[in-house]
C-alpha atoms as a PDB file:
ATOM      1  CA  MET A   1     230.233 198.779 -22.761  1.00  0.00           C
ATOM      2  CA  ASN A   2     231.084 195.120 -21.849  1.00  0.00           C
ATOM      3  CA  LEU A   3     229.574 193.749 -18.699  1.00  0.00           C
ATOM      4  CA  ILE A   4     231.315 190.534 -17.411  1.00  0.00           C
ATOM      5  CA  ILE A   5     229.842 188.528 -14.735  1.00  0.00           C
ATOM      6  CA  ILE A   6     232.285 185.942 -13.079  1.00  0.00           C
ATOM      7  CA  ASN A   7     230.748 182.603 -12.676  1.00  0.00           C
ATOM      8  CA  SER A   8     232.366 180.736  -9.662  1.00  0.00           C
ATOM      9  CA  GLY A   9     230.551 177.644 -10.333  1.00  0.00           C
ATOM     10  CA  GLN A  10     227.929 178.239  -7.287  1.00  0.00           C
ATOM     11  CA  LYS A  11     224.288 178.006  -9.131  1.00  0.00           C
ATOM     12  CA  PHE A  12     222.403 179.783  -6.263  1.00  0.00           C
ATOM     13  CA  PHE A  13     224.610 183.007  -6.662  1.00  0.00           C
ATOM     14  CA  LEU A  14     224.679 183.111 -10.385  1.00  0.00           C
ATOM     15  CA  LYS A  15     220.890 182.874 -10.375  1.00  0.00           C
ATOM     16  CA  ASN A  16     220.271 185.517  -8.056  1.00  0.00           C
ATOM     17  CA  CYS A  17     222.969 187.801  -9.540  1.00  0.00           C
ATOM     18  CA  LEU A  18     221.394 187.437 -13.209  1.00  0.00           C
ATOM     19  CA  ASN A  19     217.774 187.756 -12.024  1.00  0.00           C
ATOM     20  CA  SER A  20     218.474 190.922  -9.969  1.00  0.00           C
ATOM     21  CA  LEU A  21     220.394 192.384 -13.144  1.00  0.00           C
ATOM     22  CA  ILE A  22     217.131 191.707 -15.232  1.00  0.00           C
ATOM     23  CA  ASN A  23     215.026 193.403 -12.432  1.00  0.00           C
ATOM     24  CA  THR A  24     217.072 196.522 -12.322  1.00  0.00           C
ATOM     25  CA  THR A  25     218.069 197.242 -15.660  1.00  0.00           C
ATOM     26  CA  ASN A  26     216.682 197.276 -19.316  1.00  0.00           C
ATOM     27  CA  LEU A  27     219.605 195.368 -20.606  1.00  0.00           C
ATOM     28  CA  VAL A  28     220.151 197.673 -23.577  1.00  0.00           C
ATOM     29  CA  ASN A  29     223.138 199.493 -22.732  1.00  0.00           C
ATOM     30  CA  PHE A  30     225.908 196.826 -22.685  1.00  0.00           C
ATOM     31  CA  ASP A  31     227.078 193.466 -23.975  1.00  0.00           C
ATOM     32  CA  ILE A  32     226.655 190.765 -21.165  1.00  0.00           C
ATOM     33  CA  HIS A  33     229.429 188.157 -20.895  1.00  0.00           C
ATOM     34  CA  VAL A  34     229.246 185.165 -18.291  1.00  0.00           C
ATOM     35  CA  ILE A  35     232.748 183.795 -17.846  1.00  0.00           C
ATOM     36  CA  LYS A  36     233.976 180.910 -15.670  1.00  0.00           C
ATOM     37  CA  GLU A  37     236.319 181.894 -12.836  1.00  0.00           C
ATOM     38  CA  ARG A  38     239.909 180.783 -13.474  1.00  0.00           C
ATOM     39  CA  GLU A  39     242.140 179.098 -11.039  1.00  0.00           C
ATOM     40  CA  TYR A  40     242.224 182.135  -8.850  1.00  0.00           C
ATOM     41  CA  ARG A  41     241.071 185.819  -8.958  1.00  0.00           C
ATOM     42  CA  GLU A  42     243.993 187.611 -10.504  1.00  0.00           C
ATOM     43  CA  VAL A  43     244.021 185.216 -13.341  1.00  0.00           C
ATOM     44  CA  THR A  44     240.347 185.755 -14.053  1.00  0.00           C
ATOM     45  CA  PHE A  45     240.951 189.644 -13.873  1.00  0.00           C
ATOM     46  CA  ASN A  46     243.853 189.474 -16.414  1.00  0.00           C
ATOM     47  CA  THR A  47     241.946 187.536 -18.851  1.00  0.00           C
ATOM     48  CA  ILE A  48     239.096 190.005 -18.845  1.00  0.00           C
ATOM     49  CA  LEU A  49     241.596 192.999 -19.238  1.00  0.00           C
ATOM     50  CA  LYS A  50     243.100 191.365 -22.290  1.00  0.00           C
ATOM     51  CA  GLY A  51     239.976 190.181 -23.760  1.00  0.00           C
ATOM     52  CA  TYR A  52     237.452 192.849 -23.422  1.00  0.00           C
ATOM     53  CA  ASP A  53     239.303 196.124 -23.331  1.00  0.00           C
ATOM     54  CA  SER A  54     238.041 197.390 -26.655  1.00  0.00           C
ATOM     55  CA  GLN A  55     235.294 198.908 -24.647  1.00  0.00           C
ATOM     56  CA  ASP A  56     234.963 200.292 -20.928  1.00  0.00           C
ATOM     57  CA  ILE A  57     234.422 197.365 -18.649  1.00  0.00           C
ATOM     58  CA  LEU A  58     232.010 196.424 -15.773  1.00  0.00           C
ATOM     59  CA  ILE A  59     233.103 193.557 -13.823  1.00  0.00           C
ATOM     60  CA  PHE A  60     230.738 191.896 -11.257  1.00  0.00           C
ATOM     61  CA  GLY A  61     231.243 188.705  -9.198  1.00  0.00           C
ATOM     62  CA  ASP A  62     228.306 186.400  -9.323  1.00  0.00           C
ATOM     63  CA  ASP A  63     227.978 186.873  -5.464  1.00  0.00           C
ATOM     64  CA  ILE A  64     226.638 190.397  -6.206  1.00  0.00           C
ATOM     65  CA  VAL A  65     222.981 191.309  -5.890  1.00  0.00           C
ATOM     66  CA  PHE A  66     222.151 194.476  -7.909  1.00  0.00           C
ATOM     67  CA  THR A  67     219.901 196.894  -6.495  1.00  0.00           C
ATOM     68  CA  LYS A  68     217.378 199.358  -8.300  1.00  0.00           C
ATOM     69  CA  GLY A  69     219.049 202.598  -9.662  1.00  0.00           C
ATOM     70  CA  TRP A  70     222.664 201.111  -9.800  1.00  0.00           C
ATOM     71  CA  PHE A  71     223.440 201.667 -13.457  1.00  0.00           C
ATOM     72  CA  GLU A  72     221.838 205.285 -13.513  1.00  0.00           C
ATOM     73  CA  PHE A  73     223.979 206.149 -10.514  1.00  0.00           C
ATOM     74  CA  LEU A  74     226.967 204.997 -12.340  1.00  0.00           C
ATOM     75  CA  THR A  75     226.088 206.702 -15.388  1.00  0.00           C
ATOM     76  CA  ALA A  76     225.579 210.004 -13.664  1.00  0.00           C
ATOM     77  CA  ASN A  77     229.018 209.689 -11.776  1.00  0.00           C
ATOM     78  CA  LYS A  78     231.225 208.342 -14.738  1.00  0.00           C
ATOM     79  CA  LYS A  79     232.949 211.534 -15.323  1.00  0.00           C
ATOM     80  CA  ASN A  80     234.266 211.730 -11.575  1.00  0.00           C
ATOM     81  CA  GLY A  81     236.417 208.650 -11.719  1.00  0.00           C
ATOM     82  CA  ASP A  82     238.505 206.383 -14.093  1.00  0.00           C
ATOM     83  CA  ILE A  83     238.155 203.263 -11.854  1.00  0.00           C
ATOM     84  CA  ILE A  84     234.688 203.157 -10.060  1.00  0.00           C
ATOM     85  CA  GLY A  85     233.395 200.794  -7.370  1.00  0.00           C
ATOM     86  CA  PHE A  86     230.084 200.504  -5.347  1.00  0.00           C
ATOM     87  CA  SER A  87     229.379 200.457  -1.716  1.00  0.00           C
ATOM     88  CA  MET A  88     228.518 197.224  -0.335  1.00  0.00           C
ATOM     89  CA  LEU A  89     225.792 195.803   2.227  1.00  0.00           C
ATOM     90  CA  TYR A  90     225.715 192.450   3.815  1.00  0.00           C
ATOM     91  CA  PRO A  91     222.862 190.660   2.055  1.00  0.00           C
ATOM     92  CA  GLY A  92     219.382 190.882   3.490  1.00  0.00           C
ATOM     93  CA  THR A  93     220.317 193.741   5.687  1.00  0.00           C
ATOM     94  CA  ASP A  94     221.112 197.530   6.178  1.00  0.00           C
ATOM     95  CA  LYS A  95     224.407 196.864   7.650  1.00  0.00           C
ATOM     96  CA  VAL A  96     227.407 198.271   5.594  1.00  0.00           C
ATOM     97  CA  GLN A  97     230.034 195.912   4.601  1.00  0.00           C
ATOM     98  CA  ASP A  98     232.326 198.631   3.020  1.00  0.00           C
ATOM     99  CA  THR A  99     232.005 202.080   1.335  1.00  0.00           C
ATOM    100  CA  GLY A 100     235.424 201.532  -0.243  1.00  0.00           C
ATOM    101  CA  TYR A 101     238.693 200.913   1.507  1.00  0.00           C
ATOM    102  CA  ASP A 102     241.570 203.154   2.516  1.00  0.00           C
ATOM    103  CA  LEU A 103     245.153 202.412   3.223  1.00  0.00           C
ATOM    104  CA  VAL A 104     245.726 203.414   6.722  1.00  0.00           C
ATOM    105  CA  ARG A 105     248.596 203.353   9.278  1.00  0.00           C
ATOM    106  CA  ILE A 106     247.299 202.051  12.717  1.00  0.00           C
ATOM    107  CA  ASP A 107     250.053 202.416  15.117  1.00  0.00           C
ATOM    108  CA  ASN A 108     253.056 201.090  13.227  1.00  0.00           C
ATOM    109  CA  GLU A 109     251.072 198.796  10.915  1.00  0.00           C
ATOM    110  CA  ILE A 110     249.688 199.366   7.462  1.00  0.00           C
ATOM    111  CA  ILE A 111     246.303 197.913   6.586  1.00  0.00           C
ATOM    112  CA  LEU A 112     243.559 198.256   3.729  1.00  0.00           C
ATOM    113  CA  LYS A 113     240.726 199.432   5.885  1.00  0.00           C
ATOM    114  CA  PRO A 114     236.943 198.969   4.897  1.00  0.00           C
ATOM    115  CA  LYS A 115     235.345 202.219   5.561  1.00  0.00           C
ATOM    116  CA  ASN A 116     232.093 202.267   7.548  1.00  0.00           C
ATOM    117  CA  ARG A 117     232.038 198.391   8.168  1.00  0.00           C
ATOM    118  CA  GLY A 118     229.485 197.378  10.563  1.00  0.00           C
ATOM    119  CA  GLU A 119     227.556 200.570  10.500  1.00  0.00           C
ATOM    120  CA  LYS A 120     223.807 201.066   9.697  1.00  0.00           C
ATOM    121  CA  LYS A 121     223.305 202.526   6.435  1.00  0.00           C
ATOM    122  CA  GLU A 122     220.899 205.083   7.498  1.00  0.00           C
ATOM    123  CA  LYS A 123     223.679 206.420  10.022  1.00  0.00           C
ATOM    124  CA  ILE A 124     226.036 207.173   7.141  1.00  0.00           C
ATOM    125  CA  LYS A 125     225.723 210.634   5.506  1.00  0.00           C
ATOM    126  CA  LYS A 126     224.806 210.268   2.066  1.00  0.00           C
ATOM    127  CA  PHE A 127     227.274 210.876  -0.713  1.00  0.00           C
ATOM    128  CA  ASN A 128     227.475 210.356  -4.314  1.00  0.00           C
ATOM    129  CA  PHE A 129     231.286 209.429  -4.581  1.00  0.00           C
ATOM    130  CA  ARG A 130     234.353 209.491  -2.844  1.00  0.00           C
ATOM    131  CA  GLU A 131     238.062 208.931  -3.684  1.00  0.00           C
ATOM    132  CA  CYS A 132     239.596 205.868  -1.906  1.00  0.00           C
ATOM    133  CA  ASP A 133     242.639 203.614  -2.576  1.00  0.00           C
ATOM    134  CA  SER A 134     240.401 200.669  -3.407  1.00  0.00           C
ATOM    135  CA  SER A 135     236.911 199.182  -3.506  1.00  0.00           C
ATOM    136  CA  SER A 136     235.490 195.815  -3.726  1.00  0.00           C
ATOM    137  CA  GLY A 137     236.720 193.777  -6.657  1.00  0.00           C
ATOM    138  CA  CYS A 138     233.370 192.233  -7.150  1.00  0.00           C
ATOM    139  CA  ALA A 139     231.903 195.308  -8.591  1.00  0.00           C
ATOM    140  CA  LEU A 140     234.285 197.380 -10.805  1.00  0.00           C
ATOM    141  CA  PHE A 141     233.853 199.823 -13.731  1.00  0.00           C
ATOM    142  CA  ILE A 142     236.917 200.354 -15.528  1.00  0.00           C
ATOM    143  CA  LYS A 143     237.403 202.857 -18.371  1.00  0.00           C
ATOM    144  CA  LYS A 144     238.880 201.544 -21.673  1.00  0.00           C
ATOM    145  CA  ASN A 145     241.807 203.974 -21.434  1.00  0.00           C
ATOM    146  CA  VAL A 146     242.858 202.570 -17.926  1.00  0.00           C
ATOM    147  CA  ALA A 147     242.616 199.013 -19.259  1.00  0.00           C
ATOM    148  CA  GLU A 148     244.562 200.015 -22.523  1.00  0.00           C
ATOM    149  CA  LYS A 149     247.292 201.541 -20.172  1.00  0.00           C
ATOM    150  CA  ILE A 150     247.428 199.019 -17.313  1.00  0.00           C
ATOM    151  CA  ARG A 151     247.077 195.444 -19.099  1.00  0.00           C
ATOM    152  CA  SER A 152     247.244 193.301 -16.150  1.00  0.00           C
ATOM    153  CA  THR A 153     247.643 192.926 -12.223  1.00  0.00           C
ATOM    154  CA  PRO A 154     250.412 190.900 -10.271  1.00  0.00           C
ATOM    155  CA  VAL A 155     249.494 187.422  -9.229  1.00  0.00           C
ATOM    156  CA  ASP A 156     251.013 188.401  -5.957  1.00  0.00           C
ATOM    157  CA  GLY A 157     247.479 189.357  -4.747  1.00  0.00           C
ATOM    158  CA  MET A 158     246.975 185.799  -4.044  1.00  0.00           C
ATOM    159  CA  ASN A 159     243.171 185.664  -4.724  1.00  0.00           C
ATOM    160  CA  ARG A 160     242.461 188.244  -2.119  1.00  0.00           C
ATOM    161  CA  TRP A 161     244.359 191.769  -3.405  1.00  0.00           C
ATOM    162  CA  GLY A 162     244.551 191.510  -7.093  1.00  0.00           C
ATOM    163  CA  GLU A 163     242.149 194.337  -7.758  1.00  0.00           C
ATOM    164  CA  PHE A 164     243.612 196.511  -5.180  1.00  0.00           C
ATOM    165  CA  LEU A 165     247.045 196.227  -6.670  1.00  0.00           C
ATOM    166  CA  TYR A 166     245.583 197.034 -10.080  1.00  0.00           C
ATOM    167  CA  MET A 167     243.939 200.313  -8.554  1.00  0.00           C
ATOM    168  CA  ASN A 168     247.169 201.039  -6.717  1.00  0.00           C
ATOM    169  CA  GLU A 169     248.928 200.982 -10.123  1.00  0.00           C
ATOM    170  CA  ALA A 170     246.355 202.938 -11.564  1.00  0.00           C
ATOM    171  CA  LYS A 171     246.792 205.747  -9.098  1.00  0.00           C
ATOM    172  CA  LYS A 172     250.479 205.740  -9.388  1.00  0.00           C
ATOM    173  CA  LYS A 173     249.843 206.708 -13.120  1.00  0.00           C
ATOM    174  CA  GLY A 174     247.421 209.442 -12.367  1.00  0.00           C
ATOM    175  CA  PHE A 175     243.949 207.704 -12.697  1.00  0.00           C
ATOM    176  CA  LYS A 176     241.347 208.425 -10.165  1.00  0.00           C
ATOM    177  CA  VAL A 177     239.634 205.686  -7.976  1.00  0.00           C
ATOM    178  CA  ILE A 178     236.283 206.321  -6.500  1.00  0.00           C
ATOM    179  CA  VAL A 179     233.577 204.447  -4.808  1.00  0.00           C
ATOM    180  CA  LEU A 180     229.836 205.338  -5.276  1.00  0.00           C
ATOM    181  CA  GLY A 181     227.267 206.059  -2.403  1.00  0.00           C
ATOM    182  CA  HIS A 182     224.958 203.599  -4.197  1.00  0.00           C
ATOM    183  CA  TYR A 183     224.837 200.127  -2.408  1.00  0.00           C
ATOM    184  CA  LEU A 184     224.897 196.670  -3.882  1.00  0.00           C
ATOM    185  CA  TYR A 185     224.434 193.408  -1.821  1.00  0.00           C
ATOM    186  CA  HIS A 186     227.680 191.309  -1.761  1.00  0.00           C
ATOM    187  CA  HIS A 187     227.731 187.767  -0.307  1.00  0.00           C
ATOM    188  CA  GLY A 188     231.532 187.656  -0.393  1.00  0.00           C
ATOM    189  CA  LYS A 189     231.793 184.016  -1.399  1.00  0.00           C
ATOM    190  CA  SER A 190     232.837 183.887  -4.931  1.00  0.00           C
ATOM    191  CA  THR A 191     236.538 183.268  -4.102  1.00  0.00           C
ATOM    192  CA  LYS A 192     235.932 181.194  -0.965  1.00  0.00           C
ATOM    193  CA  ILE A 193     235.710 177.712  -2.706  1.00  0.00           C
ATOM    194  CA  ASN A 194     238.993 177.261  -3.982  1.00  0.00           C
ATOM    195  CA  PRO A 195     240.352 173.924  -2.718  1.00  0.00           C
ATOM    196  CA  ASN A 196     243.980 175.351  -2.382  1.00  0.00           C
ATOM    197  CA  LYS A 197     243.790 176.760   1.074  1.00  0.00           C
ATOM    198  CA  LEU A 198     246.669 179.185   0.224  1.00  0.00           C
ATOM    199  CA  LEU A 199     244.209 180.774  -2.194  1.00  0.00           C
ATOM    200  CA  SER A 200     240.912 180.594  -0.171  1.00  0.00           C
ATOM    201  CA  SER A 201     241.818 180.618   3.406  1.00  0.00           C
ATOM    202  CA  GLU A 202     240.578 183.437   5.619  1.00  0.00           C
ATOM    203  CA  SER A 203     243.312 182.856   8.177  1.00  0.00           C
ATOM    204  CA  TYR A 204     244.854 186.073   9.421  1.00  0.00           C
ATOM    205  CA  MET A 205     248.146 184.208  10.196  1.00  0.00           C
ATOM    206  CA  LEU A 206     248.391 183.078   6.508  1.00  0.00           C
ATOM    207  CA  GLU A 207     247.295 186.376   5.086  1.00  0.00           C
ATOM    208  CA  GLN A 208     249.295 188.593   7.324  1.00  0.00           C
ATOM    209  CA  LYS A 209     252.662 187.185   5.891  1.00  0.00           C
ATOM    210  CA  MET A 210     251.195 187.640   2.348  1.00  0.00           C
ATOM    211  CA  TRP A 211     250.160 191.241   3.077  1.00  0.00           C
ATOM    212  CA  LYS A 212     253.478 192.154   4.583  1.00  0.00           C
ATOM    213  CA  LYS A 213     255.095 191.081   1.135  1.00  0.00           C
ATOM    214  CA  ILE A 214     252.702 193.345  -0.648  1.00  0.00           C
ATOM    215  CA  VAL A 215     253.293 196.352   1.638  1.00  0.00           C
ATOM    216  CA  LYS A 216     256.883 196.078   1.077  1.00  0.00           C
ATOM    217  CA  GLN A 217     256.932 195.690  -2.849  1.00  0.00           C
ATOM    218  CA  TYR A 218     254.025 197.860  -3.869  1.00  0.00           C
ATOM    219  CA  ILE A 219     252.957 200.431  -1.487  1.00  0.00           C
ATOM    220  CA  ASN A 220     254.580 203.789  -1.046  1.00  0.00           C
ATOM    221  CA  LYS A 221     254.184 204.320   2.689  1.00  0.00           C
ATOM    222  CA  GLU A 222     255.052 208.146   2.390  1.00  0.00           C
ATOM    223  CA  GLN A 223     251.610 208.762   0.683  1.00  0.00           C
ATOM    224  CA  ILE A 224     249.466 207.345   3.351  1.00  0.00           C
ATOM    225  CA  LYS A 225     247.686 210.132   4.939  1.00  0.00           C
ATOM    226  CA  ILE A 226     245.303 208.410   7.404  1.00  0.00           C
ATOM    227  CA  GLN A 227     246.838 207.522  10.830  1.00  0.00           C
ATOM    228  CA  LEU A 228     244.996 205.766  13.592  1.00  0.00           C
ATOM    229  CA  LYS A 229     245.732 204.428  17.064  1.00  0.00           C
ATOM    230  CA  LYS A 230     244.194 201.465  18.889  1.00  0.00           C
ATOM    231  CA  VAL A 231     243.026 201.457  22.445  1.00  0.00           C
ATOM    232  CA  LEU A 232     241.371 199.450  24.775  1.00  0.00           C
ATOM    233  CA  SER A 233     238.156 200.057  26.874  1.00  0.00           C
ATOM    234  CA  LYS A 234     238.420 200.070  30.792  1.00  0.00           C
ATOM    235  CA  LYS A 235     235.739 197.126  30.602  1.00  0.00           C
ATOM    236  CA  ILE A 236     237.589 194.790  28.142  1.00  0.00           C
ATOM    237  CA  ARG A 237     240.774 195.415  30.470  1.00  0.00           C
ATOM    238  CA  SER A 238     239.070 194.547  33.723  1.00  0.00           C
ATOM    239  CA  ILE A 239     237.628 191.379  32.332  1.00  0.00           C
ATOM    240  CA  LEU A 240     240.799 190.093  30.853  1.00  0.00           C
ATOM    241  CA  LEU A 241     242.758 190.913  34.022  1.00  0.00           C
ATOM    242  CA  SER A 242     240.316 189.286  36.313  1.00  0.00           C
ATOM    243  CA  LYS A 243     242.076 186.065  36.346  1.00  0.00           C
ATOM    244  CA  LYS A 244     239.046 184.245  35.162  1.00  0.00           C
ATOM    245  CA  LYS A 245     239.764 181.229  32.576  1.00  0.00           C
ATOM    246  CA  ILE A 246     239.192 183.049  29.284  1.00  0.00           C
ATOM    247  CA  LEU A 247     239.004 181.540  25.598  1.00  0.00           C
ATOM    248  CA  PHE A 248     239.452 183.640  22.780  1.00  0.00           C
ATOM    249  CA  TYR A 249     237.559 182.448  19.718  1.00  0.00           C
ATOM    250  CA  GLY A 250     239.545 183.872  16.670  1.00  0.00           C
ATOM    251  CA  ALA A 251     243.290 184.196  16.063  1.00  0.00           C
ATOM    252  CA  GLY A 252     243.233 187.569  14.266  1.00  0.00           C
ATOM    253  CA  THR A 253     244.135 191.189  14.484  1.00  0.00           C
ATOM    254  CA  ILE A 254     241.878 191.984  17.468  1.00  0.00           C
ATOM    255  CA  SER A 255     243.117 189.021  19.705  1.00  0.00           C
ATOM    256  CA  GLU A 256     246.539 190.021  18.659  1.00  0.00           C
ATOM    257  CA  PHE A 257     246.355 193.426  19.740  1.00  0.00           C
ATOM    258  CA  ILE A 258     244.468 192.817  23.135  1.00  0.00           C
ATOM    259  CA  LEU A 259     247.260 190.125  24.061  1.00  0.00           C
ATOM    260  CA  LYS A 260     250.136 192.156  22.997  1.00  0.00           C
ATOM    261  CA  GLU A 261     248.609 195.386  24.554  1.00  0.00           C
ATOM    262  CA  LEU A 262     247.953 193.666  27.963  1.00  0.00           C
ATOM    263  CA  LYS A 263     251.031 191.405  27.800  1.00  0.00           C
ATOM    264  CA  SER A 264     252.888 192.983  30.810  1.00  0.00           C
ATOM    265  CA  GLU A 265     249.732 192.445  33.031  1.00  0.00           C
ATOM    266  CA  LEU A 266     248.229 189.399  31.711  1.00  0.00           C
ATOM    267  CA  ASP A 267     248.764 185.856  32.989  1.00  0.00           C
ATOM    268  CA  LEU A 268     248.612 183.842  29.971  1.00  0.00           C
ATOM    269  CA  ARG A 269     247.976 180.894  32.164  1.00  0.00           C
ATOM    270  CA  PHE A 270     244.391 181.880  32.164  1.00  0.00           C
ATOM    271  CA  VAL A 271     244.034 182.418  28.435  1.00  0.00           C
ATOM    272  CA  ASP A 272     243.354 180.044  25.481  1.00  0.00           C
ATOM    273  CA  ILE A 273     242.830 180.658  21.792  1.00  0.00           C
ATOM    274  CA  CYS A 274     240.605 178.709  19.451  1.00  0.00           C
ATOM    275  CA  SER A 275     239.749 179.105  15.775  1.00  0.00           C
ATOM    276  CA  GLY A 276     236.986 177.904  13.390  1.00  0.00           C
ATOM    277  CA  LEU A 277     239.698 177.281  10.614  1.00  0.00           C
ATOM    278  CA  SER A 278     241.127 173.804  10.868  1.00  0.00           C
ATOM    279  CA  GLU A 279     244.377 174.864   9.082  1.00  0.00           C
ATOM    280  CA  GLU A 280     245.174 177.123  12.149  1.00  0.00           C
ATOM    281  CA  LYS A 281     245.055 174.290  14.490  1.00  0.00           C
ATOM    282  CA  GLU A 282     248.117 173.700  16.654  1.00  0.00           C
ATOM    283  CA  LYS A 283     249.943 176.812  15.255  1.00  0.00           C
ATOM    284  CA  ILE A 284     251.554 179.269  17.932  1.00  0.00           C
ATOM    285  CA  PHE A 285     249.636 182.572  18.239  1.00  0.00           C
ATOM    286  CA  CYS A 286     250.870 185.178  20.770  1.00  0.00           C
ATOM    287  CA  GLY A 287     252.593 182.620  22.566  1.00  0.00           C
ATOM    288  CA  LYS A 288     249.663 180.153  22.934  1.00  0.00           C
ATOM    289  CA  ARG A 289     248.668 176.956  20.773  1.00  0.00           C
ATOM    290  CA  ILE A 290     245.525 177.304  18.821  1.00  0.00           C
ATOM    291  CA  SER A 291     242.869 174.765  19.444  1.00  0.00           C
ATOM    292  CA  PHE A 292     240.301 173.850  16.489  1.00  0.00           C
ATOM    293  CA  TYR A 293     236.879 174.880  18.238  1.00  0.00           C
ATOM    294  CA  LYS A 294     235.204 171.344  17.661  1.00  0.00           C
ATOM    295  CA  ASN A 295     237.966 170.119  19.833  1.00  0.00           C
ATOM    296  CA  VAL A 296     237.544 172.477  22.771  1.00  0.00           C
ATOM    297  CA  ASP A 297     235.548 171.694  26.046  1.00  0.00           C
ATOM    298  CA  PHE A 298     233.936 175.054  26.519  1.00  0.00           C
ATOM    299  CA  SER A 299     232.673 174.400  29.998  1.00  0.00           C
ATOM    300  CA  ASN A 300     236.425 174.773  31.248  1.00  0.00           C
ATOM    301  CA  TYR A 301     236.215 178.539  30.576  1.00  0.00           C
ATOM    302  CA  ASP A 302     234.296 181.223  32.557  1.00  0.00           C
ATOM    303  CA  ILE A 303     234.217 183.574  29.649  1.00  0.00           C
ATOM    304  CA  VAL A 304     234.299 182.907  25.822  1.00  0.00           C
ATOM    305  CA  ILE A 305     235.226 186.325  23.783  1.00  0.00           C
ATOM    306  CA  VAL A 306     234.313 186.185  20.074  1.00  0.00           C
ATOM    307  CA  SER A 307     236.884 188.489  18.609  1.00  0.00           C
ATOM    308  CA  VAL A 308     235.974 188.088  14.872  1.00  0.00           C
ATOM    309  CA  LEU A 309     234.183 191.351  13.918  1.00  0.00           C
ATOM    310  CA  GLN A 310     230.787 190.950  12.058  1.00  0.00           C
ATOM    311  CA  LYS A 311     230.571 187.226  12.483  1.00  0.00           C
ATOM    312  CA  GLU A 312     229.319 187.032  16.036  1.00  0.00           C
ATOM    313  CA  LYS A 313     226.173 185.574  15.115  1.00  0.00           C
ATOM    314  CA  VAL A 314     227.755 182.786  12.928  1.00  0.00           C
ATOM    315  CA  ILE A 315     230.154 181.887  15.517  1.00  0.00           C
ATOM    316  CA  PHE A 316     227.347 181.804  18.297  1.00  0.00           C
ATOM    317  CA  ASP A 317     225.244 179.487  16.100  1.00  0.00           C
ATOM    318  CA  LEU A 318     228.334 177.022  15.907  1.00  0.00           C
ATOM    319  CA  ILE A 319     229.110 177.080  19.556  1.00  0.00           C
ATOM    320  CA  LYS A 320     225.699 177.673  21.242  1.00  0.00           C
ATOM    321  CA  ASN A 321     225.073 173.964  22.081  1.00  0.00           C
ATOM    322  CA  PHE A 322     228.476 173.841  23.952  1.00  0.00           C
ATOM    323  CA  ILE A 323     228.321 176.931  26.162  1.00  0.00           C
ATOM    324  CA  ASP A 324     226.140 178.744  28.565  1.00  0.00           C
ATOM    325  CA  LYS A 325     225.067 181.919  26.876  1.00  0.00           C
ATOM    326  CA  LYS A 326     225.916 184.031  30.002  1.00  0.00           C
ATOM    327  CA  LYS A 327     229.624 183.350  29.501  1.00  0.00           C
ATOM    328  CA  LEU A 328     229.597 184.568  25.917  1.00  0.00           C
ATOM    329  CA  TYR A 329     231.056 187.929  25.037  1.00  0.00           C
ATOM    330  CA  TYR A 330     232.091 189.588  21.681  1.00  0.00           C
ATOM    331  CA  VAL A 331     234.420 192.475  20.931  1.00  0.00           C
ATOM    332  CA  VAL A 332     233.183 195.735  19.305  1.00  0.00           C
ATOM    333  CA  GLN A 333     234.982 198.762  17.848  1.00  0.00           C
ATOM    334  CA  GLU A 334     234.234 202.260  17.167  1.00  0.00           C
ATOM    335  CA  THR A 335     236.466 204.875  15.569  1.00  0.00           C
ATOM    336  CA  ILE A 336     236.497 208.115  17.621  1.00  0.00           C
ATOM    337  CA  GLY A 337     238.756 210.765  15.667  1.00  0.00           C
ATOM    338  CA  CYS A 338     242.061 209.309  15.495  1.00  0.00           C
ATOM    339  CA  LEU A 339     241.350 206.320  17.772  1.00  0.00           C
ATOM    340  CA  ILE A 340     240.035 202.803  17.233  1.00  0.00           C
ATOM    341  CA  LYS A 341     238.426 201.851  20.641  1.00  0.00           C
ATOM    342  CA  PHE A 342     237.880 198.174  21.354  1.00  0.00           C
ATOM    343  CA  GLY A 343     235.153 197.489  23.941  1.00  0.00           C
ATOM    344  CA  ILE A 344     233.296 194.224  24.857  1.00  0.00           C
ATOM    345  CA  LYS A 345     229.443 193.289  25.165  1.00  0.00           C
ATOM    346  CA  GLN A 346     227.611 190.197  26.440  1.00  0.00           C
ATOM    347  CA  TYR A 347     225.320 188.348  24.700  1.00  0.00           C
ATOM    348  CA  ALA A 348     221.763 189.258  25.714  1.00  0.00           C
END
């Protein structure tokens, strides 16, 4: 078996990754190769597929931290899937990043949804494996017969969805994609240093256009079985319709849904949008022009709502010197049956 670690050029991550590998395995079951990340993710992935397909392949980004028992768990479940991923935790926490990804139709939109994101690990029922549409591309086991059959992934993934497109093609050819119930830590930084914003930006506005092309070209909509509907809580409605001066931090799916859902009732004169991404500055979003957060006078607002899930603390640390904490709220979500309910909480 070939074990490939992709070196993104960030010394801290590579050192931590290798140390955790040494501490969690006896290193006798596979050949280890550390390769330099190419200009973007799909090129790296295709290079690995072409160069190391003589055996089963294990691929890890250098932003992965291995945990004890990972290899034994993989070995015990190899027979259950053809492409196998791992569940992920945010580093240094018991908070789940994902237990695989599923294609989901939410209202009239198709997304690739991370399962259990933001949940506490101990609250999730233990499992050995589950079938999914994709898993994190930073930890993948690919059997030799899959690599021989599917030689590459399209570059249309644009440094974001290349591994998903590969797994999507594998499923079309009858291979089974699963994610294991064993957790690794994932920093999620390996592709975020590309100087080309088109290949590294986390901008929803930019990624939305790319994703729509992928859905149109590669996804069989008829095979999507999971359907959900988004709703707003009474509290978030009352706050938005209070005619207080409100600033959204985040021009993404949540802000977009809230503003569209309340479009007929909301007076947009009381609402502004800011972003932590400089490339979104001055772009039009839901009828409002986006400001870069460093250019915003936060004292002009009665309420600031952080609408970027799982990044509340990072954003609070960015703006805490500019705003009274009593004004700061953040959006939360929970899935209840077929509903995704958005609520709101105030910082303590």
